[in-house]
């Protein structure tokens, strides 16, 4: 299970730049894998946000949406919940102990699409929809994707309902 965080401040959305295996870079919201030692999803998400950005979330709402991406060729399934940070404190500082997050910043809504252009469709599309439609957690949505292919540079990603 993974989780992502929507943090907004001063009219901008917090995005982090991730260095992937092979040295490629992509942007996403902060978050990551929820560990078995985390008390629950929000505890794990809070830990991830603090590790990646030094910001400490003290109040959450959500989830805003859930994402399931299923690889039809490699046999993996990724499940993610995305929650909104209602209250957080601290100063933005990138010092990720895992060495994955290498940059971060707050981006205006009209910049998010361009910054996220290189990230996976299952990351970009739900976030862009939430940014334009702003539904509340009571109306949380579930986005499902099927993934075909065996290498990152040649993946075909479709909504599971587009089959």
N, C-alpha and C. Protein backbone atom coordinates (compact mmCIF):
# COMPACT_ATOMS: atom_id res chain seq x y z
N UNK A 1 0.84 -1.18 0.00
CA UNK A 1 0.00 0.00 0.00
C UNK A 1 0.88 1.24 0.00
N UNK A 2 0.48 2.21 -0.80
CA UNK A 2 1.17 3.49 -0.85
C UNK A 2 0.17 4.58 -0.51
N UNK A 3 0.69 5.76 -0.19
CA UNK A 3 -0.16 6.90 0.10
C UNK A 3 0.51 8.16 -0.42
N UNK A 4 -0.32 9.11 -0.84
CA UNK A 4 0.17 10.39 -1.33
C UNK A 4 -0.49 11.51 -0.55
N UNK A 5 0.19 12.66 -0.51
CA UNK A 5 -0.29 13.80 0.25
C UNK A 5 -0.48 15.01 -0.65
N UNK A 6 -1.62 15.66 -0.50
CA UNK A 6 -1.88 16.93 -1.16
C UNK A 6 -1.67 18.01 -0.10
N UNK A 7 -0.63 18.83 -0.30
CA UNK A 7 -0.33 19.95 0.60
C UNK A 7 -0.35 21.23 -0.21
N UNK A 8 -1.18 22.17 0.21
CA UNK A 8 -1.27 23.45 -0.49
C UNK A 8 -0.87 24.57 0.46
N UNK A 9 -0.20 25.57 -0.13
CA UNK A 9 0.25 26.71 0.66
C UNK A 9 0.46 27.89 -0.29
N UNK A 10 -0.07 29.04 0.08
CA UNK A 10 0.15 30.24 -0.72
C UNK A 10 -0.29 30.10 -2.17
N UNK A 11 -1.35 29.36 -2.39
CA UNK A 11 -1.85 29.19 -3.75
C UNK A 11 -1.11 28.15 -4.57
N UNK A 12 -0.20 27.43 -3.93
CA UNK A 12 0.56 26.41 -4.66
C UNK A 12 0.40 25.02 -4.07
N UNK A 13 0.66 24.02 -4.90
CA UNK A 13 0.61 22.62 -4.51
C UNK A 13 2.03 22.10 -4.38
N UNK A 14 2.32 21.39 -3.29
CA UNK A 14 3.65 20.85 -3.07
C UNK A 14 3.88 19.63 -3.95
N UNK A 15 4.95 19.68 -4.75
CA UNK A 15 5.39 18.55 -5.55
C UNK A 15 6.84 18.26 -5.21
N UNK A 16 7.21 16.97 -5.28
CA UNK A 16 8.58 16.56 -5.02
C UNK A 16 9.15 15.88 -6.26
N UNK A 17 10.45 16.07 -6.46
CA UNK A 17 11.15 15.46 -7.58
C UNK A 17 11.85 14.20 -7.08
N UNK A 18 11.54 13.08 -7.72
CA UNK A 18 12.06 11.77 -7.31
C UNK A 18 13.11 11.27 -8.29
N UNK A 19 14.25 10.84 -7.76
CA UNK A 19 15.26 10.20 -8.60
C UNK A 19 15.00 8.70 -8.56
N UNK A 20 14.71 8.14 -9.73
CA UNK A 20 14.38 6.72 -9.85
C UNK A 20 15.62 5.91 -10.20
N UNK A 21 15.46 4.59 -10.15
CA UNK A 21 16.55 3.71 -10.57
C UNK A 21 16.94 4.08 -12.00
N UNK A 22 18.22 4.07 -12.28
CA UNK A 22 18.69 4.46 -13.60
C UNK A 22 18.90 5.95 -13.73
N UNK A 23 18.56 6.73 -12.68
CA UNK A 23 18.83 8.15 -12.68
C UNK A 23 17.75 9.04 -13.26
N UNK A 24 16.64 8.47 -13.74
CA UNK A 24 15.57 9.31 -14.28
C UNK A 24 14.90 10.08 -13.15
N UNK A 25 14.30 11.22 -13.51
CA UNK A 25 13.61 12.06 -12.55
C UNK A 25 12.14 12.18 -12.93
N UNK A 26 11.28 12.21 -11.93
CA UNK A 26 9.87 12.53 -12.15
C UNK A 26 9.33 13.22 -10.90
N UNK A 27 8.24 13.92 -11.07
CA UNK A 27 7.63 14.68 -9.99
C UNK A 27 6.34 14.02 -9.56
N UNK A 28 5.98 14.20 -8.31
CA UNK A 28 4.74 13.67 -7.75
C UNK A 28 4.40 14.47 -6.50
N UNK A 29 3.29 14.13 -5.89
CA UNK A 29 3.03 14.67 -4.56
C UNK A 29 3.90 13.87 -3.59
N UNK A 30 4.20 14.40 -2.41
CA UNK A 30 4.97 13.63 -1.44
C UNK A 30 4.20 12.40 -0.98
N UNK A 31 4.93 11.41 -0.52
CA UNK A 31 4.31 10.19 -0.02
C UNK A 31 5.16 8.99 -0.35
N UNK A 32 4.60 7.82 -0.19
CA UNK A 32 5.35 6.62 -0.50
C UNK A 32 4.72 5.39 0.11
N UNK A 33 5.54 4.38 0.28
CA UNK A 33 5.08 3.09 0.77
C UNK A 33 4.79 3.17 2.26
N UNK A 34 3.64 2.63 2.65
CA UNK A 34 3.28 2.55 4.07
C UNK A 34 3.91 1.26 4.61
N UNK A 35 4.74 1.42 5.62
CA UNK A 35 5.47 0.28 6.20
C UNK A 35 4.58 -0.51 7.16
N UNK A 36 4.91 -1.78 7.32
CA UNK A 36 4.19 -2.64 8.27
C UNK A 36 4.30 -2.11 9.70
N UNK A 37 5.35 -1.35 9.99
CA UNK A 37 5.55 -0.81 11.33
C UNK A 37 4.78 0.48 11.58
N UNK A 38 4.19 1.07 10.53
CA UNK A 38 3.37 2.28 10.69
C UNK A 38 2.05 1.90 11.35
N UNK A 39 1.60 2.73 12.27
CA UNK A 39 0.35 2.44 13.00
C UNK A 39 -0.85 2.35 12.06
N UNK A 40 -0.87 3.19 11.03
CA UNK A 40 -1.95 3.19 10.04
C UNK A 40 -1.48 3.98 8.83
N UNK A 41 -2.36 4.14 7.86
CA UNK A 41 -1.99 4.83 6.62
C UNK A 41 -1.56 6.27 6.90
N UNK A 42 -2.30 6.98 7.72
CA UNK A 42 -1.96 8.38 7.98
C UNK A 42 -0.66 8.54 8.75
N UNK A 43 -0.37 7.61 9.65
CA UNK A 43 0.92 7.66 10.35
C UNK A 43 2.05 7.44 9.36
N UNK A 44 1.90 6.49 8.47
CA UNK A 44 2.92 6.23 7.45
C UNK A 44 3.05 7.38 6.48
N UNK A 45 1.93 7.96 6.08
CA UNK A 45 1.98 9.10 5.17
C UNK A 45 2.64 10.30 5.84
N UNK A 46 2.30 10.54 7.08
CA UNK A 46 2.95 11.63 7.81
C UNK A 46 4.45 11.44 7.92
N UNK A 47 4.86 10.20 8.19
CA UNK A 47 6.30 9.88 8.25
C UNK A 47 6.96 10.17 6.91
N UNK A 48 6.34 9.71 5.82
CA UNK A 48 6.90 9.92 4.48
C UNK A 48 7.03 11.41 4.16
N UNK A 49 5.97 12.18 4.44
CA UNK A 49 6.00 13.61 4.15
C UNK A 49 7.12 14.29 4.93
N UNK A 50 7.24 13.94 6.21
CA UNK A 50 8.28 14.57 7.03
C UNK A 50 9.68 14.18 6.57
N UNK A 51 9.88 12.90 6.21
CA UNK A 51 11.19 12.47 5.71
C UNK A 51 11.57 13.20 4.42
N UNK A 52 10.59 13.37 3.54
CA UNK A 52 10.87 13.93 2.23
C UNK A 52 10.96 15.46 2.22
N UNK A 53 10.22 16.13 3.12
CA UNK A 53 10.10 17.58 3.02
C UNK A 53 10.37 18.34 4.32
N UNK A 54 10.49 17.65 5.44
CA UNK A 54 10.65 18.24 6.78
C UNK A 54 9.38 18.93 7.26
N UNK A 55 8.27 18.80 6.53
CA UNK A 55 7.00 19.37 6.97
C UNK A 55 6.26 18.33 7.81
N UNK A 56 5.66 18.78 8.91
CA UNK A 56 4.94 17.87 9.79
C UNK A 56 3.44 18.18 9.72
N UNK A 57 2.69 17.18 9.26
CA UNK A 57 1.24 17.34 9.12
C UNK A 57 0.59 17.01 10.46
N UNK A 58 -0.28 17.93 10.93
CA UNK A 58 -0.96 17.72 12.21
C UNK A 58 -2.45 17.46 12.05
N UNK A 59 -2.97 17.64 10.83
CA UNK A 59 -4.38 17.33 10.58
C UNK A 59 -4.56 16.94 9.12
N UNK A 60 -5.25 15.80 8.92
CA UNK A 60 -5.51 15.26 7.59
C UNK A 60 -7.00 15.22 7.30
N UNK A 61 -7.37 15.19 6.01
CA UNK A 61 -8.71 14.83 5.61
C UNK A 61 -8.61 13.89 4.42
N UNK A 62 -9.59 13.01 4.34
CA UNK A 62 -9.56 12.10 3.19
C UNK A 62 -9.82 10.67 3.60
N UNK A 63 -9.60 9.82 2.64
CA UNK A 63 -8.89 10.09 1.39
C UNK A 63 -9.74 10.89 0.40
N UNK A 64 -9.02 11.67 -0.44
CA UNK A 64 -9.67 12.39 -1.53
C UNK A 64 -9.97 11.43 -2.67
N UNK A 65 -9.02 10.52 -2.91
CA UNK A 65 -9.21 9.51 -3.95
C UNK A 65 -8.28 8.35 -3.71
N UNK A 66 -8.61 7.25 -4.38
CA UNK A 66 -7.79 6.04 -4.35
C UNK A 66 -7.41 5.70 -5.78
N UNK A 67 -6.24 5.08 -5.93
CA UNK A 67 -5.77 4.66 -7.24
C UNK A 67 -5.35 3.20 -7.16
N UNK A 68 -5.76 2.41 -8.15
CA UNK A 68 -5.27 1.05 -8.30
C UNK A 68 -4.70 0.94 -9.71
N UNK A 69 -3.44 0.56 -9.81
CA UNK A 69 -2.79 0.31 -11.10
C UNK A 69 -2.38 -1.16 -11.10
N UNK A 70 -2.77 -1.87 -12.14
CA UNK A 70 -2.53 -3.31 -12.21
C UNK A 70 -1.72 -3.63 -13.46
N UNK A 71 -0.53 -4.22 -13.25
CA UNK A 71 0.30 -4.63 -14.37
C UNK A 71 -0.18 -6.00 -14.86
N UNK A 72 -0.62 -6.01 -16.11
CA UNK A 72 -1.13 -7.26 -16.68
C UNK A 72 0.00 -8.18 -17.13
N UNK A 73 1.19 -7.63 -17.39
CA UNK A 73 2.31 -8.42 -17.88
C UNK A 73 3.32 -8.81 -16.80
N UNK A 74 3.45 -7.97 -15.77
CA UNK A 74 4.44 -8.25 -14.73
C UNK A 74 3.82 -8.78 -13.44
N UNK A 75 2.49 -8.70 -13.33
CA UNK A 75 1.81 -9.30 -12.20
C UNK A 75 1.80 -8.50 -10.91
N UNK A 76 2.05 -7.20 -10.97
CA UNK A 76 1.99 -6.41 -9.73
C UNK A 76 0.72 -5.56 -9.69
N UNK A 77 0.35 -5.19 -8.48
CA UNK A 77 -0.77 -4.28 -8.26
C UNK A 77 -0.31 -3.21 -7.29
N UNK A 78 -0.52 -1.94 -7.65
CA UNK A 78 -0.19 -0.82 -6.79
C UNK A 78 -1.49 -0.18 -6.33
N UNK A 79 -1.64 -0.05 -5.02
CA UNK A 79 -2.81 0.63 -4.44
C UNK A 79 -2.33 1.85 -3.68
N UNK A 80 -3.00 2.96 -3.88
CA UNK A 80 -2.59 4.21 -3.24
C UNK A 80 -3.82 4.98 -2.78
N UNK A 81 -3.73 5.55 -1.58
CA UNK A 81 -4.72 6.50 -1.07
C UNK A 81 -4.08 7.87 -1.06
N UNK A 82 -4.84 8.89 -1.47
CA UNK A 82 -4.33 10.25 -1.44
C UNK A 82 -5.17 11.07 -0.47
N UNK A 83 -4.49 11.67 0.50
CA UNK A 83 -5.13 12.47 1.55
C UNK A 83 -4.65 13.91 1.45
N UNK A 84 -5.47 14.82 1.95
CA UNK A 84 -5.12 16.24 1.96
C UNK A 84 -4.66 16.65 3.35
N UNK A 85 -3.53 17.34 3.40
CA UNK A 85 -3.03 17.91 4.65
C UNK A 85 -3.80 19.20 4.91
N UNK A 86 -4.56 19.22 5.98
CA UNK A 86 -5.36 20.40 6.33
C UNK A 86 -4.50 21.39 7.10
N UNK A 87 -3.67 20.87 8.02
CA UNK A 87 -2.78 21.71 8.83
C UNK A 87 -1.40 21.06 8.84
N UNK A 88 -0.37 21.87 8.57
CA UNK A 88 1.00 21.37 8.66
C UNK A 88 1.90 22.51 9.10
N UNK A 89 3.09 22.13 9.58
CA UNK A 89 4.02 23.13 10.11
C UNK A 89 5.44 22.79 9.69
N UNK A 90 6.31 23.78 9.82
CA UNK A 90 7.72 23.59 9.50
C UNK A 90 8.09 24.34 8.23
N UNK A 91 9.37 24.23 7.90
CA UNK A 91 9.90 24.86 6.70
C UNK A 91 10.31 23.77 5.71
N UNK A 92 10.00 23.99 4.45
CA UNK A 92 10.33 23.02 3.42
C UNK A 92 11.84 22.83 3.33
N UNK A 93 12.28 21.58 3.48
CA UNK A 93 13.69 21.23 3.40
C UNK A 93 13.78 19.82 2.81
N UNK A 94 14.54 19.69 1.74
CA UNK A 94 14.72 18.38 1.11
C UNK A 94 15.99 17.75 1.67
N UNK A 95 15.80 16.67 2.43
CA UNK A 95 16.92 15.92 3.01
C UNK A 95 16.44 14.48 3.21
N UNK A 96 15.98 13.85 2.12
CA UNK A 96 15.36 12.53 2.17
C UNK A 96 16.39 11.47 2.57
N UNK A 97 16.16 10.74 3.68
CA UNK A 97 17.12 9.72 4.10
C UNK A 97 17.25 8.57 3.09
N UNK A 98 16.24 8.39 2.25
CA UNK A 98 16.31 7.35 1.23
C UNK A 98 17.01 7.83 -0.03
N UNK A 99 17.27 9.14 -0.14
CA UNK A 99 17.95 9.70 -1.30
C UNK A 99 17.10 9.72 -2.56
N UNK A 100 15.80 9.53 -2.43
CA UNK A 100 14.93 9.51 -3.61
C UNK A 100 14.46 10.92 -3.97
N UNK A 101 13.95 11.66 -2.98
CA UNK A 101 13.48 13.03 -3.24
C UNK A 101 14.69 13.95 -3.28
N UNK A 102 14.85 14.65 -4.41
CA UNK A 102 16.02 15.51 -4.62
C UNK A 102 15.67 16.98 -4.77
N UNK A 103 14.37 17.30 -4.88
CA UNK A 103 13.94 18.68 -5.01
C UNK A 103 12.46 18.74 -4.64
N UNK A 104 11.98 19.92 -4.31
CA UNK A 104 10.58 20.11 -3.96
C UNK A 104 10.22 21.57 -4.10
N UNK A 105 8.95 21.83 -4.34
CA UNK A 105 8.49 23.21 -4.42
C UNK A 105 6.98 23.26 -4.52
N UNK A 106 6.45 24.45 -4.28
CA UNK A 106 5.02 24.68 -4.40
C UNK A 106 4.75 25.26 -5.79
N UNK A 107 3.79 24.67 -6.51
CA UNK A 107 3.49 25.05 -7.88
C UNK A 107 2.03 25.46 -8.01
N UNK A 108 1.80 26.54 -8.75
CA UNK A 108 0.44 27.01 -9.03
C UNK A 108 -0.29 25.94 -9.82
N UNK A 109 -1.62 25.88 -9.67
CA UNK A 109 -2.43 24.85 -10.32
C UNK A 109 -2.19 24.79 -11.82
N UNK A 110 -1.99 25.96 -12.45
CA UNK A 110 -1.78 25.96 -13.90
C UNK A 110 -0.39 25.47 -14.31
N UNK A 111 0.51 25.27 -13.36
CA UNK A 111 1.85 24.73 -13.64
C UNK A 111 1.94 23.23 -13.39
N UNK A 112 1.01 22.69 -12.64
CA UNK A 112 1.09 21.30 -12.20
C UNK A 112 1.14 20.33 -13.38
N UNK A 113 0.30 20.54 -14.38
CA UNK A 113 0.28 19.65 -15.54
C UNK A 113 1.63 19.55 -16.23
N UNK A 114 2.29 20.68 -16.40
CA UNK A 114 3.61 20.68 -17.05
C UNK A 114 4.67 20.00 -16.18
N UNK A 115 4.64 20.27 -14.89
CA UNK A 115 5.62 19.66 -13.98
C UNK A 115 5.42 18.14 -13.93
N UNK A 116 4.17 17.69 -13.96
CA UNK A 116 3.87 16.27 -13.87
C UNK A 116 3.85 15.55 -15.23
N UNK A 117 4.23 16.23 -16.28
CA UNK A 117 4.14 15.66 -17.63
C UNK A 117 4.85 14.32 -17.77
N UNK A 118 5.93 14.11 -17.06
CA UNK A 118 6.73 12.88 -17.21
C UNK A 118 6.36 11.79 -16.21
N UNK A 119 5.45 12.06 -15.29
CA UNK A 119 5.12 11.03 -14.30
C UNK A 119 4.06 10.08 -14.86
N UNK A 120 3.83 9.01 -14.16
CA UNK A 120 2.87 8.01 -14.61
C UNK A 120 1.47 8.60 -14.69
N UNK A 121 0.71 8.12 -15.66
CA UNK A 121 -0.67 8.57 -15.88
C UNK A 121 -1.51 8.39 -14.62
N UNK A 122 -1.28 7.31 -13.87
CA UNK A 122 -2.09 7.04 -12.68
C UNK A 122 -1.76 7.99 -11.54
N UNK A 123 -0.65 8.72 -11.65
CA UNK A 123 -0.32 9.77 -10.68
C UNK A 123 -0.92 11.10 -11.14
N UNK A 124 -0.69 11.43 -12.39
CA UNK A 124 -1.06 12.73 -12.95
C UNK A 124 -2.57 12.95 -13.08
N UNK A 125 -3.26 12.02 -13.72
CA UNK A 125 -4.68 12.25 -14.03
C UNK A 125 -5.58 12.45 -12.81
N UNK A 126 -5.53 11.58 -11.81
CA UNK A 126 -6.42 11.82 -10.66
C UNK A 126 -6.15 13.15 -9.97
N UNK A 127 -4.87 13.51 -9.83
CA UNK A 127 -4.53 14.78 -9.19
C UNK A 127 -5.04 15.96 -10.01
N UNK A 128 -4.84 15.93 -11.32
CA UNK A 128 -5.33 17.01 -12.17
C UNK A 128 -6.85 17.13 -12.09
N UNK A 129 -7.54 15.99 -12.04
CA UNK A 129 -9.00 16.05 -11.93
C UNK A 129 -9.42 16.66 -10.59
N UNK A 130 -8.74 16.26 -9.51
CA UNK A 130 -9.10 16.83 -8.21
C UNK A 130 -8.83 18.34 -8.20
N UNK A 131 -7.72 18.76 -8.78
CA UNK A 131 -7.39 20.19 -8.79
C UNK A 131 -8.43 21.02 -9.54
N UNK A 132 -9.04 20.46 -10.57
CA UNK A 132 -10.03 21.22 -11.34
C UNK A 132 -11.44 21.08 -10.78
N UNK A 133 -11.74 19.96 -10.12
CA UNK A 133 -13.10 19.71 -9.65
C UNK A 133 -13.28 19.87 -8.15
N UNK A 134 -12.24 19.70 -7.38
CA UNK A 134 -12.23 19.92 -5.92
C UNK A 134 -13.37 19.24 -5.17
N UNK A 135 -13.54 17.94 -5.37
CA UNK A 135 -14.56 17.23 -4.61
C UNK A 135 -14.09 17.03 -3.17
N UNK A 136 -15.01 16.77 -2.28
CA UNK A 136 -14.71 16.58 -0.86
C UNK A 136 -14.51 15.09 -0.57
N UNK A 137 -13.89 14.74 0.56
CA UNK A 137 -13.66 13.33 0.89
C UNK A 137 -14.93 12.47 0.88
N UNK A 138 -16.07 13.05 1.22
CA UNK A 138 -17.31 12.27 1.19
C UNK A 138 -17.63 11.79 -0.23
N UNK A 139 -17.06 12.46 -1.23
CA UNK A 139 -17.27 12.10 -2.63
C UNK A 139 -16.01 11.48 -3.24
N UNK A 140 -15.18 10.88 -2.40
CA UNK A 140 -13.91 10.30 -2.86
C UNK A 140 -14.13 9.39 -4.06
N UNK A 141 -13.17 9.41 -4.96
CA UNK A 141 -13.26 8.62 -6.19
C UNK A 141 -12.20 7.53 -6.18
N UNK A 142 -12.42 6.53 -7.03
CA UNK A 142 -11.46 5.44 -7.19
C UNK A 142 -11.10 5.36 -8.68
N UNK A 143 -9.83 5.56 -8.96
CA UNK A 143 -9.31 5.50 -10.33
C UNK A 143 -8.60 4.16 -10.51
N UNK A 144 -8.93 3.47 -11.61
CA UNK A 144 -8.33 2.16 -11.87
C UNK A 144 -7.64 2.18 -13.22
N UNK A 145 -6.42 1.63 -13.25
CA UNK A 145 -5.64 1.60 -14.48
C UNK A 145 -5.10 0.20 -14.72
N UNK A 146 -5.07 -0.20 -15.98
CA UNK A 146 -4.39 -1.41 -16.41
C UNK A 146 -3.10 -0.99 -17.11
N UNK A 147 -2.03 -1.70 -16.81
CA UNK A 147 -0.72 -1.38 -17.36
C UNK A 147 -0.23 -2.58 -18.15
N UNK A 148 0.18 -2.33 -19.39
CA UNK A 148 0.77 -3.38 -20.22
C UNK A 148 2.20 -2.98 -20.57
N UNK A 149 3.06 -3.99 -20.65
CA UNK A 149 4.46 -3.75 -21.01
C UNK A 149 5.38 -4.25 -19.92
N UNK A 150 6.65 -4.39 -20.30
CA UNK A 150 7.63 -4.93 -19.35
C UNK A 150 8.79 -3.99 -19.10
N UNK A 151 8.80 -2.81 -19.72
CA UNK A 151 9.85 -1.82 -19.45
C UNK A 151 9.21 -0.45 -19.27
N UNK A 152 9.80 0.36 -18.40
CA UNK A 152 9.22 1.66 -18.06
C UNK A 152 9.06 2.57 -19.27
N UNK A 153 9.96 2.47 -20.23
CA UNK A 153 9.89 3.37 -21.38
C UNK A 153 8.88 2.93 -22.43
N UNK A 154 8.21 1.80 -22.21
CA UNK A 154 7.26 1.30 -23.21
C UNK A 154 5.96 0.82 -22.57
N UNK A 155 5.53 1.46 -21.50
CA UNK A 155 4.30 1.04 -20.85
C UNK A 155 3.09 1.62 -21.57
N UNK A 156 2.05 0.83 -21.69
CA UNK A 156 0.76 1.31 -22.17
C UNK A 156 -0.16 1.31 -20.94
N UNK A 157 -0.70 2.46 -20.63
CA UNK A 157 -1.55 2.63 -19.45
C UNK A 157 -2.92 3.09 -19.90
N UNK A 158 -3.96 2.34 -19.51
CA UNK A 158 -5.33 2.71 -19.86
C UNK A 158 -6.20 2.62 -18.62
N UNK A 159 -7.27 3.42 -18.60
CA UNK A 159 -8.26 3.26 -17.54
C UNK A 159 -8.80 1.84 -17.64
N UNK A 160 -8.98 1.19 -16.54
CA UNK A 160 -9.46 -0.19 -16.54
C UNK A 160 -10.81 -0.29 -17.26
N UNK A 161 -11.59 0.77 -17.26
CA UNK A 161 -12.89 0.75 -17.92
C UNK A 161 -12.78 0.99 -19.42
N UNK A 162 -11.57 1.34 -19.93
CA UNK A 162 -11.39 1.61 -21.36
C UNK A 162 -11.11 0.35 -22.16
N UNK A 163 -10.98 -0.80 -21.52
CA UNK A 163 -10.56 -2.04 -22.17
C UNK A 163 -11.26 -2.32 -23.43
